[in-house]
Amino acid sequence: MIFEFFALLFFVSTGFGLAFFLFALTYNLKLSITDREKSSVYECGFTPLSHTRQRFDIKFYLVAILFIIFDIEIAFLFPWTICAKELNLVQHLGVATFVFLLTLGFVYEWLSGALRWH
């Protein structure tokens, strides 16, 4: 019991130590932006060093949010694939209901035009 606690403490402290080390390393590196391509507009659709009250198109964020939502829901199916042989009929019906609702949400998203790129 106490050994498991120390193993957990070791992993948590190693994670925090690595995160602090990488933060300190990147904070102390003095990299200047010399490449014009690195300071140009990337995927967000507007200049990153502009005024904060500027209007911008939200279609980039909408597509990203919808992707993240459906990507995370698909990730919930991974544990089911691992232990599919040990599940009973009720549990398989629960997964089938989840997949049905996921598909229904995707069809609604598609028909409402959220994926349409104008």
PDB file of N, CA and C in Angstrom:
ATOM      1  N   MET A   1       0.831  -1.194   0.000  1.00  0.00           N
ATOM      2  CA  MET A   1       0.000   0.000   0.000  1.00  0.00           C
ATOM      3  C   MET A   1       0.872   1.253   0.000  1.00  0.00           C
ATOM      4  N   ILE A   2       1.862   1.309   0.869  1.00  0.00           N
ATOM      5  CA  ILE A   2       2.702   2.500   0.958  1.00  0.00           C
ATOM      6  C   ILE A   2       3.611   2.618  -0.260  1.00  0.00           C
ATOM      7  N   PHE A   3       3.991   1.469  -0.848  1.00  0.00           N
ATOM      8  CA  PHE A   3       4.832   1.493  -2.046  1.00  0.00           C
ATOM      9  C   PHE A   3       4.072   2.095  -3.230  1.00  0.00           C
ATOM     10  N   GLU A   4       2.778   1.794  -3.331  1.00  0.00           N
ATOM     11  CA  GLU A   4       1.969   2.356  -4.410  1.00  0.00           C
ATOM     12  C   GLU A   4       1.843   3.868  -4.259  1.00  0.00           C
ATOM     13  N   PHE A   5       1.766   4.339  -3.016  1.00  0.00           N
ATOM     14  CA  PHE A   5       1.708   5.777  -2.783  1.00  0.00           C
ATOM     15  C   PHE A   5       3.000   6.443  -3.223  1.00  0.00           C
ATOM     16  N   PHE A   6       4.144   5.833  -2.910  1.00  0.00           N
ATOM     17  CA  PHE A   6       5.423   6.404  -3.317  1.00  0.00           C
ATOM     18  C   PHE A   6       5.606   6.353  -4.832  1.00  0.00           C
ATOM     19  N   ALA A   7       5.091   5.324  -5.480  1.00  0.00           N
ATOM     20  CA  ALA A   7       5.166   5.268  -6.938  1.00  0.00           C
ATOM     21  C   ALA A   7       4.341   6.399  -7.553  1.00  0.00           C
ATOM     22  N   LEU A   8       3.155   6.635  -7.005  1.00  0.00           N
ATOM     23  CA  LEU A   8       2.325   7.729  -7.487  1.00  0.00           C
ATOM     24  C   LEU A   8       2.997   9.070  -7.217  1.00  0.00           C
ATOM     25  N   LEU A   9       3.554   9.231  -6.038  1.00  0.00           N
ATOM     26  CA  LEU A   9       4.262  10.460  -5.691  1.00  0.00           C
ATOM     27  C   LEU A   9       5.458  10.674  -6.615  1.00  0.00           C
ATOM     28  N   PHE A  10       6.157   9.605  -6.971  1.00  0.00           N
ATOM     29  CA  PHE A  10       7.301   9.705  -7.875  1.00  0.00           C
ATOM     30  C   PHE A  10       6.853  10.182  -9.256  1.00  0.00           C
ATOM     31  N   PHE A  11       5.766   9.603  -9.790  1.00  0.00           N
ATOM     32  CA  PHE A  11       5.307   9.991 -11.122  1.00  0.00           C
ATOM     33  C   PHE A  11       4.784  11.426 -11.146  1.00  0.00           C
ATOM     34  N   VAL A  12       4.065  11.823 -10.104  1.00  0.00           N
ATOM     35  CA  VAL A  12       3.543  13.186 -10.056  1.00  0.00           C
ATOM     36  C   VAL A  12       4.681  14.185  -9.926  1.00  0.00           C
ATOM     37  N   SER A  13       5.640  13.904  -9.049  1.00  0.00           N
ATOM     38  CA  SER A  13       6.761  14.833  -8.890  1.00  0.00           C
ATOM     39  C   SER A  13       7.645  14.866 -10.128  1.00  0.00           C
ATOM     40  N   THR A  14       7.811  13.743 -10.801  1.00  0.00           N
ATOM     41  CA  THR A  14       8.575  13.732 -12.044  1.00  0.00           C
ATOM     42  C   THR A  14       7.857  14.550 -13.117  1.00  0.00           C
ATOM     43  N   GLY A  15       6.551  14.438 -13.199  1.00  0.00           N
ATOM     44  CA  GLY A  15       5.781  15.218 -14.164  1.00  0.00           C
ATOM     45  C   GLY A  15       5.884  16.711 -13.908  1.00  0.00           C
ATOM     46  N   PHE A  16       5.716  17.109 -12.638  1.00  0.00           N
ATOM     47  CA  PHE A  16       5.845  18.523 -12.305  1.00  0.00           C
ATOM     48  C   PHE A  16       7.272  19.016 -12.530  1.00  0.00           C
ATOM     49  N   GLY A  17       8.253  18.204 -12.188  1.00  0.00           N
ATOM     50  CA  GLY A  17       9.650  18.590 -12.407  1.00  0.00           C
ATOM     51  C   GLY A  17       9.963  18.771 -13.880  1.00  0.00           C
ATOM     52  N   LEU A  18       9.491  17.855 -14.699  1.00  0.00           N
ATOM     53  CA  LEU A  18       9.719  17.982 -16.136  1.00  0.00           C
ATOM     54  C   LEU A  18       9.010  19.209 -16.703  1.00  0.00           C
ATOM     55  N   ALA A  19       7.777  19.448 -16.271  1.00  0.00           N
ATOM     56  CA  ALA A  19       7.046  20.629 -16.742  1.00  0.00           C
ATOM     57  C   ALA A  19       7.764  21.910 -16.320  1.00  0.00           C
ATOM     58  N   PHE A  20       8.231  21.976 -15.084  1.00  0.00           N
ATOM     59  CA  PHE A  20       8.953  23.161 -14.619  1.00  0.00           C
ATOM     60  C   PHE A  20      10.263  23.344 -15.379  1.00  0.00           C
ATOM     61  N   PHE A  21      10.974  22.241 -15.627  1.00  0.00           N
ATOM     62  CA  PHE A  21      12.239  22.310 -16.370  1.00  0.00           C
ATOM     63  C   PHE A  21      12.008  22.831 -17.785  1.00  0.00           C
ATOM     64  N   LEU A  22      10.994  22.307 -18.468  1.00  0.00           N
ATOM     65  CA  LEU A  22      10.726  22.756 -19.833  1.00  0.00           C
ATOM     66  C   LEU A  22      10.245  24.205 -19.859  1.00  0.00           C
ATOM     67  N   PHE A  23       9.460  24.607 -18.871  1.00  0.00           N
ATOM     68  CA  PHE A  23       9.032  25.996 -18.792  1.00  0.00           C
ATOM     69  C   PHE A  23      10.229  26.918 -18.579  1.00  0.00           C
ATOM     70  N   ALA A  24      11.108  26.546 -17.658  1.00  0.00           N
ATOM     71  CA  ALA A  24      12.289  27.365 -17.399  1.00  0.00           C
ATOM     72  C   ALA A  24      13.207  27.408 -18.618  1.00  0.00           C
ATOM     73  N   LEU A  25      13.321  26.285 -19.313  1.00  0.00           N
ATOM     74  CA  LEU A  25      14.170  26.239 -20.493  1.00  0.00           C
ATOM     75  C   LEU A  25      13.636  27.150 -21.595  1.00  0.00           C
ATOM     76  N   THR A  26      12.348  27.097 -21.871  1.00  0.00           N
ATOM     77  CA  THR A  26      11.793  27.944 -22.925  1.00  0.00           C
ATOM     78  C   THR A  26      11.704  29.409 -22.497  1.00  0.00           C
ATOM     79  N   TYR A  27      11.569  29.663 -21.214  1.00  0.00           N
ATOM     80  CA  TYR A  27      11.522  31.036 -20.735  1.00  0.00           C
ATOM     81  C   TYR A  27      12.882  31.708 -20.874  1.00  0.00           C
ATOM     82  N   ASN A  28      13.930  30.951 -20.658  1.00  0.00           N
ATOM     83  CA  ASN A  28      15.272  31.514 -20.708  1.00  0.00           C
ATOM     84  C   ASN A  28      15.863  31.584 -22.107  1.00  0.00           C
ATOM     85  N   LEU A  29      15.285  30.859 -23.039  1.00  0.00           N
ATOM     86  CA  LEU A  29      15.773  30.941 -24.404  1.00  0.00           C
ATOM     87  C   LEU A  29      15.306  32.249 -25.025  1.00  0.00           C
ATOM     88  N   LYS A  30      16.218  32.982 -25.553  1.00  0.00           N
ATOM     89  CA  LYS A  30      15.889  34.265 -26.174  1.00  0.00           C
ATOM     90  C   LYS A  30      15.887  34.094 -27.684  1.00  0.00           C
ATOM     91  N   LEU A  31      14.771  33.590 -28.221  1.00  0.00           N
ATOM     92  CA  LEU A  31      14.651  33.408 -29.652  1.00  0.00           C
ATOM     93  C   LEU A  31      13.922  34.610 -30.242  1.00  0.00           C
ATOM     94  N   SER A  32      14.510  35.209 -31.226  1.00  0.00           N
ATOM     95  CA  SER A  32      13.857  36.334 -31.884  1.00  0.00           C
ATOM     96  C   SER A  32      13.194  35.849 -33.158  1.00  0.00           C
ATOM     97  N   ILE A  33      12.123  36.507 -33.503  1.00  0.00           N
ATOM     98  CA  ILE A  33      11.409  36.142 -34.719  1.00  0.00           C
ATOM     99  C   ILE A  33      12.100  36.843 -35.882  1.00  0.00           C
ATOM    100  N   THR A  34      12.894  36.095 -36.623  1.00  0.00           N
ATOM    101  CA  THR A  34      13.599  36.671 -37.756  1.00  0.00           C
ATOM    102  C   THR A  34      12.965  36.253 -39.069  1.00  0.00           C
ATOM    103  N   ASP A  35      12.203  35.202 -39.047  1.00  0.00           N
ATOM    104  CA  ASP A  35      11.571  34.710 -40.258  1.00  0.00           C
ATOM    105  C   ASP A  35      10.231  35.411 -40.456  1.00  0.00           C
ATOM    106  N   ARG A  36       9.988  35.933 -41.640  1.00  0.00           N
ATOM    107  CA  ARG A  36       8.735  36.630 -41.905  1.00  0.00           C
ATOM    108  C   ARG A  36       7.541  35.678 -41.871  1.00  0.00           C
ATOM    109  N   GLU A  37       7.760  34.429 -42.252  1.00  0.00           N
ATOM    110  CA  GLU A  37       6.677  33.446 -42.276  1.00  0.00           C
ATOM    111  C   GLU A  37       6.190  33.120 -40.867  1.00  0.00           C
ATOM    112  N   LYS A  38       7.089  33.136 -39.892  1.00  0.00           N
ATOM    113  CA  LYS A  38       6.695  32.809 -38.518  1.00  0.00           C
ATOM    114  C   LYS A  38       5.841  33.901 -37.894  1.00  0.00           C
ATOM    115  N   SER A  39       6.006  35.138 -38.330  1.00  0.00           N
ATOM    116  CA  SER A  39       5.212  36.220 -37.760  1.00  0.00           C
ATOM    117  C   SER A  39       3.981  36.549 -38.600  1.00  0.00           C
ATOM    118  N   SER A  40       3.696  35.770 -39.622  1.00  0.00           N
ATOM    119  CA  SER A  40       2.537  36.026 -40.469  1.00  0.00           C
ATOM    120  C   SER A  40       1.298  35.352 -39.893  1.00  0.00           C
ATOM    121  N   VAL A  41       0.175  35.547 -40.581  1.00  0.00           N
ATOM    122  CA  VAL A  41      -1.093  34.950 -40.157  1.00  0.00           C
ATOM    123  C   VAL A  41      -0.983  33.439 -40.276  1.00  0.00           C
ATOM    124  N   TYR A  42      -1.386  32.734 -39.235  1.00  0.00           N
ATOM    125  CA  TYR A  42      -1.306  31.273 -39.238  1.00  0.00           C
ATOM    126  C   TYR A  42      -2.682  30.699 -39.504  1.00  0.00           C
ATOM    127  N   GLU A  43      -3.223  29.872 -38.674  1.00  0.00           N
ATOM    128  CA  GLU A  43      -4.505  29.227 -38.908  1.00  0.00           C
ATOM    129  C   GLU A  43      -5.684  29.976 -38.297  1.00  0.00           C
ATOM    130  N   CYS A  44      -5.431  30.967 -37.488  1.00  0.00           N
ATOM    131  CA  CYS A  44      -6.529  31.631 -36.797  1.00  0.00           C
ATOM    132  C   CYS A  44      -7.257  32.609 -37.711  1.00  0.00           C
ATOM    133  N   GLY A  45      -6.643  33.059 -38.800  1.00  0.00           N
ATOM    134  CA  GLY A  45      -7.337  33.883 -39.758  1.00  0.00           C
ATOM    135  C   GLY A  45      -7.168  35.376 -39.567  1.00  0.00           C
ATOM    136  N   PHE A  46      -6.483  35.809 -38.538  1.00  0.00           N
ATOM    137  CA  PHE A  46      -6.242  37.235 -38.356  1.00  0.00           C
ATOM    138  C   PHE A  46      -4.826  37.438 -37.825  1.00  0.00           C
ATOM    139  N   THR A  47      -4.325  38.621 -37.974  1.00  0.00           N
ATOM    140  CA  THR A  47      -2.961  38.932 -37.564  1.00  0.00           C
ATOM    141  C   THR A  47      -2.847  38.829 -36.052  1.00  0.00           C
ATOM    142  N   PRO A  48      -1.889  38.071 -35.544  1.00  0.00           N
ATOM    143  CA  PRO A  48      -1.816  37.873 -34.099  1.00  0.00           C
ATOM    144  C   PRO A  48      -1.357  39.101 -33.321  1.00  0.00           C
ATOM    145  N   LEU A  49      -0.736  40.064 -33.948  1.00  0.00           N
ATOM    146  CA  LEU A  49      -0.242  41.250 -33.237  1.00  0.00           C
ATOM    147  C   LEU A  49      -1.087  42.476 -33.549  1.00  0.00           C
ATOM    148  N   SER A  50      -2.384  42.294 -33.691  1.00  0.00           N
ATOM    149  CA  SER A  50      -3.268  43.406 -34.027  1.00  0.00           C
ATOM    150  C   SER A  50      -4.084  43.813 -32.807  1.00  0.00           C
ATOM    151  N   HIS A  51      -5.019  44.720 -33.034  1.00  0.00           N
ATOM    152  CA  HIS A  51      -5.885  45.216 -31.976  1.00  0.00           C
ATOM    153  C   HIS A  51      -6.808  44.104 -31.485  1.00  0.00           C
ATOM    154  N   THR A  52      -7.089  44.064 -30.199  1.00  0.00           N
ATOM    155  CA  THR A  52      -7.888  42.979 -29.639  1.00  0.00           C
ATOM    156  C   THR A  52      -9.381  43.134 -29.901  1.00  0.00           C
ATOM    157  N   ARG A  53      -9.847  44.311 -30.263  1.00  0.00           N
ATOM    158  CA  ARG A  53     -11.266  44.539 -30.516  1.00  0.00           C
ATOM    159  C   ARG A  53     -11.625  44.376 -31.990  1.00  0.00           C
ATOM    160  N   GLN A  54     -10.723  43.843 -32.775  1.00  0.00           N
ATOM    161  CA  GLN A  54     -10.958  43.672 -34.205  1.00  0.00           C
ATOM    162  C   GLN A  54     -11.957  42.551 -34.456  1.00  0.00           C
ATOM    163  N   ARG A  55     -12.790  42.701 -35.479  1.00  0.00           N
ATOM    164  CA  ARG A  55     -13.759  41.662 -35.830  1.00  0.00           C
ATOM    165  C   ARG A  55     -13.036  40.550 -36.581  1.00  0.00           C
ATOM    166  N   PHE A  56     -13.458  39.322 -36.332  1.00  0.00           N
ATOM    167  CA  PHE A  56     -12.875  38.189 -37.033  1.00  0.00           C
ATOM    168  C   PHE A  56     -13.948  37.140 -37.240  1.00  0.00           C
ATOM    169  N   ASP A  57     -13.675  36.239 -38.166  1.00  0.00           N
ATOM    170  CA  ASP A  57     -14.636  35.205 -38.516  1.00  0.00           C
ATOM    171  C   ASP A  57     -14.501  34.035 -37.547  1.00  0.00           C
ATOM    172  N   ILE A  58     -15.617  33.562 -37.015  1.00  0.00           N
ATOM    173  CA  ILE A  58     -15.565  32.502 -36.012  1.00  0.00           C
ATOM    174  C   ILE A  58     -15.635  31.107 -36.620  1.00  0.00           C
ATOM    175  N   LYS A  59     -15.663  30.997 -37.949  1.00  0.00           N
ATOM    176  CA  LYS A  59     -15.799  29.665 -38.546  1.00  0.00           C
ATOM    177  C   LYS A  59     -14.603  28.771 -38.225  1.00  0.00           C
ATOM    178  N   PHE A  60     -13.430  29.371 -38.020  1.00  0.00           N
ATOM    179  CA  PHE A  60     -12.259  28.578 -37.645  1.00  0.00           C
ATOM    180  C   PHE A  60     -12.479  27.927 -36.283  1.00  0.00           C
ATOM    181  N   TYR A  61     -12.981  28.700 -35.342  1.00  0.00           N
ATOM    182  CA  TYR A  61     -13.192  28.196 -33.990  1.00  0.00           C
ATOM    183  C   TYR A  61     -14.361  27.212 -33.942  1.00  0.00           C
ATOM    184  N   LEU A  62     -15.392  27.443 -34.728  1.00  0.00           N
ATOM    185  CA  LEU A  62     -16.538  26.546 -34.752  1.00  0.00           C
ATOM    186  C   LEU A  62     -16.151  25.161 -35.244  1.00  0.00           C
ATOM    187  N   VAL A  63     -15.395  25.112 -36.324  1.00  0.00           N
ATOM    188  CA  VAL A  63     -14.952  23.821 -36.847  1.00  0.00           C
ATOM    189  C   VAL A  63     -14.025  23.132 -35.850  1.00  0.00           C
ATOM    190  N   ALA A  64     -13.148  23.894 -35.203  1.00  0.00           N
ATOM    191  CA  ALA A  64     -12.234  23.304 -34.218  1.00  0.00           C
ATOM    192  C   ALA A  64     -12.996  22.752 -33.019  1.00  0.00           C
ATOM    193  N   ILE A  65     -13.982  23.476 -32.532  1.00  0.00           N
ATOM    194  CA  ILE A  65     -14.757  23.016 -31.378  1.00  0.00           C
ATOM    195  C   ILE A  65     -15.560  21.771 -31.731  1.00  0.00           C
ATOM    196  N   LEU A  66     -16.168  21.767 -32.913  1.00  0.00           N
ATOM    197  CA  LEU A  66     -16.939  20.590 -33.324  1.00  0.00           C
ATOM    198  C   LEU A  66     -16.035  19.379 -33.500  1.00  0.00           C
ATOM    199  N   PHE A  67     -14.832  19.589 -34.026  1.00  0.00           N
ATOM    200  CA  PHE A  67     -13.891  18.482 -34.158  1.00  0.00           C
ATOM    201  C   PHE A  67     -13.500  17.936 -32.793  1.00  0.00           C
ATOM    202  N   ILE A  68     -13.210  18.816 -31.854  1.00  0.00           N
ATOM    203  CA  ILE A  68     -12.798  18.374 -30.524  1.00  0.00           C
ATOM    204  C   ILE A  68     -13.932  17.602 -29.844  1.00  0.00           C
ATOM    205  N   ILE A  69     -15.160  18.094 -29.965  1.00  0.00           N
ATOM    206  CA  ILE A  69     -16.294  17.414 -29.331  1.00  0.00           C
ATOM    207  C   ILE A  69     -16.445  16.000 -29.867  1.00  0.00           C
ATOM    208  N   PHE A  70     -16.457  15.859 -31.191  1.00  0.00           N
ATOM    209  CA  PHE A  70     -16.668  14.530 -31.761  1.00  0.00           C
ATOM    210  C   PHE A  70     -15.429  13.658 -31.615  1.00  0.00           C
ATOM    211  N   ASP A  71     -14.250  14.244 -31.583  1.00  0.00           N
ATOM    212  CA  ASP A  71     -13.028  13.460 -31.377  1.00  0.00           C
ATOM    213  C   ASP A  71     -13.004  12.867 -29.971  1.00  0.00           C
ATOM    214  N   ILE A  72     -13.391  13.634 -28.977  1.00  0.00           N
ATOM    215  CA  ILE A  72     -13.404  13.133 -27.599  1.00  0.00           C
ATOM    216  C   ILE A  72     -14.472  12.061 -27.434  1.00  0.00           C
ATOM    217  N   GLU A  73     -15.610  12.243 -28.077  1.00  0.00           N
ATOM    218  CA  GLU A  73     -16.657  11.230 -27.961  1.00  0.00           C
ATOM    219  C   GLU A  73     -16.248   9.928 -28.639  1.00  0.00           C
ATOM    220  N   ILE A  74     -15.533  10.017 -29.740  1.00  0.00           N
ATOM    221  CA  ILE A  74     -15.030   8.808 -30.388  1.00  0.00           C
ATOM    222  C   ILE A  74     -13.982   8.134 -29.504  1.00  0.00           C
ATOM    223  N   ALA A  75     -13.203   8.921 -28.764  1.00  0.00           N
ATOM    224  CA  ALA A  75     -12.202   8.344 -27.863  1.00  0.00           C
ATOM    225  C   ALA A  75     -12.855   7.539 -26.746  1.00  0.00           C
ATOM    226  N   PHE A  76     -14.117   7.826 -26.431  1.00  0.00           N
ATOM    227  CA  PHE A  76     -14.824   7.043 -25.421  1.00  0.00           C
ATOM    228  C   PHE A  76     -15.104   5.617 -25.885  1.00  0.00           C
ATOM    229  N   LEU A  77     -15.019   5.368 -27.178  1.00  0.00           N
ATOM    230  CA  LEU A  77     -15.259   4.024 -27.694  1.00  0.00           C
ATOM    231  C   LEU A  77     -14.050   3.109 -27.551  1.00  0.00           C
ATOM    232  N   PHE A  78     -12.882   3.664 -27.287  1.00  0.00           N
ATOM    233  CA  PHE A  78     -11.676   2.848 -27.174  1.00  0.00           C
ATOM    234  C   PHE A  78     -11.760   1.809 -26.050  1.00  0.00           C
ATOM    235  N   PRO A  79     -12.193   2.169 -24.835  1.00  0.00           N
ATOM    236  CA  PRO A  79     -12.299   1.131 -23.795  1.00  0.00           C
ATOM    237  C   PRO A  79     -13.289   0.025 -24.157  1.00  0.00           C
ATOM    238  N   TRP A  80     -14.332   0.363 -24.896  1.00  0.00           N
ATOM    239  CA  TRP A  80     -15.289  -0.652 -25.317  1.00  0.00           C
ATOM    240  C   TRP A  80     -14.642  -1.648 -26.267  1.00  0.00           C
ATOM    241  N   THR A  81     -13.781  -1.184 -27.143  1.00  0.00           N
ATOM    242  CA  THR A  81     -13.122  -2.100 -28.077  1.00  0.00           C
ATOM    243  C   THR A  81     -12.149  -3.021 -27.364  1.00  0.00           C
ATOM    244  N   ILE A  82     -11.583  -2.566 -26.262  1.00  0.00           N
ATOM    245  CA  ILE A  82     -10.631  -3.395 -25.520  1.00  0.00           C
ATOM    246  C   ILE A  82     -11.337  -4.550 -24.819  1.00  0.00           C
ATOM    247  N   CYS A  83     -12.471  -4.273 -24.206  1.00  0.00           N
ATOM    248  CA  CYS A  83     -13.151  -5.309 -23.416  1.00  0.00           C
ATOM    249  C   CYS A  83     -14.491  -5.704 -24.015  1.00  0.00           C
ATOM    250  N   ALA A  84     -14.612  -5.711 -25.333  1.00  0.00           N
ATOM    251  CA  ALA A  84     -15.897  -6.017 -25.974  1.00  0.00           C
ATOM    252  C   ALA A  84     -16.326  -7.458 -25.759  1.00  0.00           C
ATOM    253  N   LYS A  85     -15.366  -8.381 -25.621  1.00  0.00           N
ATOM    254  CA  LYS A  85     -15.724  -9.793 -25.454  1.00  0.00           C
ATOM    255  C   LYS A  85     -16.310 -10.090 -24.074  1.00  0.00           C
ATOM    256  N   GLU A  86     -15.945  -9.294 -23.072  1.00  0.00           N
ATOM    257  CA  GLU A  86     -16.407  -9.557 -21.708  1.00  0.00           C
ATOM    258  C   GLU A  86     -17.731  -8.880 -21.384  1.00  0.00           C
ATOM    259  N   LEU A  87     -18.264  -8.059 -22.272  1.00  0.00           N
ATOM    260  CA  LEU A  87     -19.486  -7.312 -21.976  1.00  0.00           C
ATOM    261  C   LEU A  87     -20.724  -8.150 -22.262  1.00  0.00           C
ATOM    262  N   ASN A  88     -21.786  -7.839 -21.525  1.00  0.00           N
ATOM    263  CA  ASN A  88     -23.048  -8.549 -21.762  1.00  0.00           C
ATOM    264  C   ASN A  88     -23.925  -7.737 -22.722  1.00  0.00           C
ATOM    265  N   LEU A  89     -25.114  -8.215 -22.981  1.00  0.00           N
ATOM    266  CA  LEU A  89     -25.999  -7.603 -23.973  1.00  0.00           C
ATOM    267  C   LEU A  89     -26.411  -6.184 -23.577  1.00  0.00           C
ATOM    268  N   VAL A  90     -26.678  -5.958 -22.300  1.00  0.00           N
ATOM    269  CA  VAL A  90     -27.108  -4.639 -21.849  1.00  0.00           C
ATOM    270  C   VAL A  90     -26.003  -3.608 -22.078  1.00  0.00           C
ATOM    271  N   GLN A  91     -24.775  -4.001 -21.809  1.00  0.00           N
ATOM    272  CA  GLN A  91     -23.653  -3.080 -22.016  1.00  0.00           C
ATOM    273  C   GLN A  91     -23.425  -2.806 -23.500  1.00  0.00           C
ATOM    274  N   HIS A  92     -23.599  -3.818 -24.343  1.00  0.00           N
ATOM    275  CA  HIS A  92     -23.485  -3.594 -25.781  1.00  0.00           C
ATOM    276  C   HIS A  92     -24.606  -2.675 -26.281  1.00  0.00           C
ATOM    277  N   LEU A  93     -25.791  -2.806 -25.722  1.00  0.00           N
ATOM    278  CA  LEU A  93     -26.883  -1.909 -26.099  1.00  0.00           C
ATOM    279  C   LEU A  93     -26.606  -0.476 -25.645  1.00  0.00           C
ATOM    280  N   GLY A  94     -25.955  -0.322 -24.513  1.00  0.00           N
ATOM    281  CA  GLY A  94     -25.562   1.015 -24.059  1.00  0.00           C
ATOM    282  C   GLY A  94     -24.572   1.667 -25.017  1.00  0.00           C
ATOM    283  N   VAL A  95     -23.604   0.894 -25.486  1.00  0.00           N
ATOM    284  CA  VAL A  95     -22.641   1.415 -26.457  1.00  0.00           C
ATOM    285  C   VAL A  95     -23.333   1.706 -27.784  1.00  0.00           C
ATOM    286  N   ALA A  96     -24.262   0.839 -28.193  1.00  0.00           N
ATOM    287  CA  ALA A  96     -24.999   1.074 -29.431  1.00  0.00           C
ATOM    288  C   ALA A  96     -25.847   2.344 -29.326  1.00  0.00           C
ATOM    289  N   THR A  97     -26.433   2.595 -28.160  1.00  0.00           N
ATOM    290  CA  THR A  97     -27.192   3.827 -27.943  1.00  0.00           C
ATOM    291  C   THR A  97     -26.278   5.042 -28.016  1.00  0.00           C
ATOM    292  N   PHE A  98     -25.092   4.939 -27.425  1.00  0.00           N
ATOM    293  CA  PHE A  98     -24.117   6.029 -27.477  1.00  0.00           C
ATOM    294  C   PHE A  98     -23.715   6.324 -28.923  1.00  0.00           C
ATOM    295  N   VAL A  99     -23.434   5.290 -29.710  1.00  0.00           N
ATOM    296  CA  VAL A  99     -23.050   5.480 -31.114  1.00  0.00           C
ATOM    297  C   VAL A  99     -24.216   6.058 -31.904  1.00  0.00           C
ATOM    298  N   PHE A 100     -25.436   5.608 -31.609  1.00  0.00           N
ATOM    299  CA  PHE A 100     -26.614   6.148 -32.288  1.00  0.00           C
ATOM    300  C   PHE A 100     -26.786   7.635 -31.993  1.00  0.00           C
ATOM    301  N   LEU A 101     -26.660   8.027 -30.724  1.00  0.00           N
ATOM    302  CA  LEU A 101     -26.782   9.441 -30.365  1.00  0.00           C
ATOM    303  C   LEU A 101     -25.654  10.273 -30.964  1.00  0.00           C
ATOM    304  N   LEU A 102     -24.471   9.712 -31.026  1.00  0.00           N
ATOM    305  CA  LEU A 102     -23.336  10.397 -31.643  1.00  0.00           C
ATOM    306  C   LEU A 102     -23.596  10.615 -33.131  1.00  0.00           C
ATOM    307  N   THR A 103     -24.110   9.606 -33.796  1.00  0.00           N
ATOM    308  CA  THR A 103     -24.435   9.726 -35.216  1.00  0.00           C
ATOM    309  C   THR A 103     -25.584  10.711 -35.427  1.00  0.00           C
ATOM    310  N   LEU A 104     -26.575  10.682 -34.560  1.00  0.00           N
ATOM    311  CA  LEU A 104     -27.690  11.618 -34.647  1.00  0.00           C
ATOM    312  C   LEU A 104     -27.202  13.066 -34.481  1.00  0.00           C
ATOM    313  N   GLY A 105     -26.288  13.292 -33.544  1.00  0.00           N
ATOM    314  CA  GLY A 105     -25.717  14.622 -33.356  1.00  0.00           C
ATOM    315  C   GLY A 105     -24.922  15.077 -34.562  1.00  0.00           C
ATOM    316  N   PHE A 106     -24.185  14.155 -35.181  1.00  0.00           N
ATOM    317  CA  PHE A 106     -23.418  14.502 -36.372  1.00  0.00           C
ATOM    318  C   PHE A 106     -24.333  14.837 -37.546  1.00  0.00           C
ATOM    319  N   VAL A 107     -25.413  14.080 -37.705  1.00  0.00           N
ATOM    320  CA  VAL A 107     -26.365  14.358 -38.787  1.00  0.00           C
ATOM    321  C   VAL A 107     -27.029  15.715 -38.559  1.00  0.00           C
ATOM    322  N   TYR A 108     -27.398  16.014 -37.327  1.00  0.00           N
ATOM    323  CA  TYR A 108     -27.981  17.317 -37.012  1.00  0.00           C
ATOM    324  C   TYR A 108     -27.000  18.439 -37.316  1.00  0.00           C
ATOM    325  N   GLU A 109     -25.750  18.241 -36.950  1.00  0.00           N
ATOM    326  CA  GLU A 109     -24.713  19.232 -37.219  1.00  0.00           C
ATOM    327  C   GLU A 109     -24.546  19.448 -38.725  1.00  0.00           C
ATOM    328  N   TRP A 110     -24.581  18.371 -39.468  1.00  0.00           N
ATOM    329  CA  TRP A 110     -24.429  18.447 -40.916  1.00  0.00           C
ATOM    330  C   TRP A 110     -25.627  19.166 -41.560  1.00  0.00           C
ATOM    331  N   LEU A 111     -26.850  18.772 -41.146  1.00  0.00           N
ATOM    332  CA  LEU A 111     -28.044  19.368 -41.734  1.00  0.00           C
ATOM    333  C   LEU A 111     -28.252  20.822 -41.322  1.00  0.00           C
ATOM    334  N   SER A 112     -27.776  21.202 -40.152  1.00  0.00           N
ATOM    335  CA  SER A 112     -27.917  22.592 -39.718  1.00  0.00           C
ATOM    336  C   SER A 112     -26.931  23.520 -40.413  1.00  0.00           C
ATOM    337  N   GLY A 113     -25.953  22.952 -41.132  1.00  0.00           N
ATOM    338  CA  GLY A 113     -25.013  23.757 -41.885  1.00  0.00           C
ATOM    339  C   GLY A 113     -23.798  24.191 -41.106  1.00  0.00           C
ATOM    340  N   ALA A 114     -23.530  23.570 -39.971  1.00  0.00           N
ATOM    341  CA  ALA A 114     -22.371  23.978 -39.179  1.00  0.00           C
ATOM    342  C   ALA A 114     -21.060  23.599 -39.858  1.00  0.00           C
ATOM    343  N   LEU A 115     -21.090  22.607 -40.714  1.00  0.00           N
ATOM    344  CA  LEU A 115     -19.873  22.195 -41.415  1.00  0.00           C
ATOM    345  C   LEU A 115     -19.739  22.852 -42.784  1.00  0.00           C
ATOM    346  N   ARG A 116     -20.703  23.647 -43.179  1.00  0.00           N
ATOM    347  CA  ARG A 116     -20.659  24.292 -44.496  1.00  0.00           C
ATOM    348  C   ARG A 116     -19.678  25.459 -44.456  1.00  0.00           C
ATOM    349  N   TRP A 117     -18.766  25.451 -45.392  1.00  0.00           N
ATOM    350  CA  TRP A 117     -17.735  26.491 -45.465  1.00  0.00           C
ATOM    351  C   TRP A 117     -18.138  27.463 -46.560  1.00  0.00           C
ATOM    352  N   HIS A 118     -18.586  28.642 -46.165  1.00  0.00           N
ATOM    353  CA  HIS A 118     -19.109  29.621 -47.138  1.00  0.00           C
ATOM    354  C   HIS A 118     -17.983  30.328 -47.827  1.00  0.00           C
TER     355      HIS A 118
END
